[in-house]
């Protein structure tokens, strides 16, 4: 007998992104060895003290790195691509329900 799967959104979801990314995944391993915290000090003088908060410099650099590694030259394509890939979301530090910057 043929089954039929109906999709129904869950109101509450118990989901941890870190559990869904394999230990051998490239972006998971890269996140474990790449420390970009030095960027905060290097870029601090370029940020003002008033107005809206801008993109985190570490997130910005990681997005640029993903664009280079995935051969994406369009910002819109990069954000669309990153929003669909769980491993990249984990790498840049965003959860599945967070909107990416830009």
Protein backbone atom coordinates (compact mmCIF):
# COMPACT_ATOMS: atom_id res chain seq x y z
CA UNK A 1 0.00 0.00 0.00
CA UNK A 2 1.30 3.40 -0.95
CA UNK A 3 1.94 5.83 1.87
CA UNK A 4 1.33 9.55 1.71
CA UNK A 5 3.33 11.99 3.84
CA UNK A 6 1.55 15.21 4.82
CA UNK A 7 3.81 18.05 5.92
CA UNK A 8 2.68 19.98 8.94
CA UNK A 9 4.73 22.73 10.57
CA UNK A 10 5.45 22.28 14.24
CA UNK A 11 4.60 25.10 16.59
CA UNK A 12 7.45 24.23 18.91
CA UNK A 13 10.55 22.49 17.69
CA UNK A 14 13.30 20.77 19.65
CA UNK A 15 16.27 21.14 17.31
CA UNK A 16 19.96 21.67 17.93
CA UNK A 17 21.95 22.64 14.89
CA UNK A 18 25.18 21.29 16.37
CA UNK A 19 23.65 17.80 16.55
CA UNK A 20 22.74 17.83 12.85
CA UNK A 21 26.20 18.67 11.51
CA UNK A 22 28.51 15.64 11.17
CA UNK A 23 31.83 15.76 13.02
CA UNK A 24 33.67 15.34 9.71
CA UNK A 25 31.92 18.25 7.97
CA UNK A 26 34.35 20.79 6.49
CA UNK A 27 32.69 23.88 7.97
CA UNK A 28 32.36 22.25 11.40
CA UNK A 29 36.06 21.40 11.41
CA UNK A 30 36.93 24.88 10.12
CA UNK A 31 34.89 26.47 12.92
CA UNK A 32 36.87 24.42 15.43
CA UNK A 33 40.28 25.63 14.24
CA UNK A 34 39.61 29.14 12.88
CA UNK A 35 39.80 31.84 15.56
CA UNK A 36 38.88 35.24 14.16
CA UNK A 37 38.42 37.06 17.46
CA UNK A 38 41.39 39.28 16.61
CA UNK A 39 39.18 41.01 14.03
CA UNK A 40 37.25 42.82 16.77
CA UNK A 41 40.35 44.72 17.86
CA UNK A 42 41.55 45.39 14.31
CA UNK A 43 38.22 46.75 13.09
CA UNK A 44 37.07 48.61 16.22
CA UNK A 45 38.32 52.01 15.01
CA UNK A 46 36.15 51.78 11.88
CA UNK A 47 32.89 51.60 13.83
CA UNK A 48 31.04 54.61 15.20
CA UNK A 49 29.58 54.93 18.67
CA UNK A 50 26.05 55.87 17.63
CA UNK A 51 23.45 54.59 15.21
CA UNK A 52 22.38 51.08 14.40
CA UNK A 53 24.60 48.13 15.08
CA UNK A 54 26.32 46.82 11.99
CA UNK A 55 27.25 43.31 10.95
CA UNK A 56 29.60 41.51 13.30
CA UNK A 57 33.06 41.69 11.64
CA UNK A 58 33.70 37.99 12.31
CA UNK A 59 30.39 37.04 10.69
CA UNK A 60 31.16 39.33 7.75
CA UNK A 61 34.58 37.75 7.23
CA UNK A 62 33.13 34.24 7.51
CA UNK A 63 30.47 35.11 4.92
CA UNK A 64 33.17 36.41 2.59
CA UNK A 65 35.16 33.23 3.15
CA UNK A 66 32.11 31.08 2.36
CA UNK A 67 31.53 33.12 -0.79
CA UNK A 68 35.10 32.45 -1.87
CA UNK A 69 35.01 28.74 -1.02
CA UNK A 70 31.61 28.19 -2.65
CA UNK A 71 32.43 30.41 -5.67
CA UNK A 72 29.55 32.82 -5.04
CA UNK A 73 30.16 36.37 -6.24
CA UNK A 74 26.70 37.81 -5.69
CA UNK A 75 25.77 38.96 -2.19
CA UNK A 76 22.16 37.91 -2.70
CA UNK A 77 23.14 34.45 -3.90
CA UNK A 78 25.56 34.14 -0.99
CA UNK A 79 22.89 34.93 1.60
CA UNK A 80 20.34 32.68 -0.13
CA UNK A 81 22.90 29.86 -0.29
CA UNK A 82 23.95 30.26 3.35
CA UNK A 83 20.36 30.34 4.58
CA UNK A 84 19.74 26.93 2.99
CA UNK A 85 22.86 25.18 4.32
CA UNK A 86 22.80 24.02 7.93
CA UNK A 87 26.57 23.52 8.07
CA UNK A 88 27.22 27.08 6.95
CA UNK A 89 24.68 28.47 9.42
CA UNK A 90 26.53 26.60 12.14
CA UNK A 91 29.88 27.92 10.87
CA UNK A 92 28.81 31.57 10.92
CA UNK A 93 27.03 31.20 14.26
CA UNK A 94 23.41 31.62 13.21
CA UNK A 95 20.48 29.42 14.13
CA UNK A 96 17.85 28.17 11.68
CA UNK A 97 15.28 30.77 12.76
CA UNK A 98 17.61 33.78 12.62
CA UNK A 99 17.61 36.06 9.62
CA UNK A 100 21.01 36.49 8.03
CA UNK A 101 22.48 40.00 7.78
CA UNK A 102 22.48 42.24 4.70
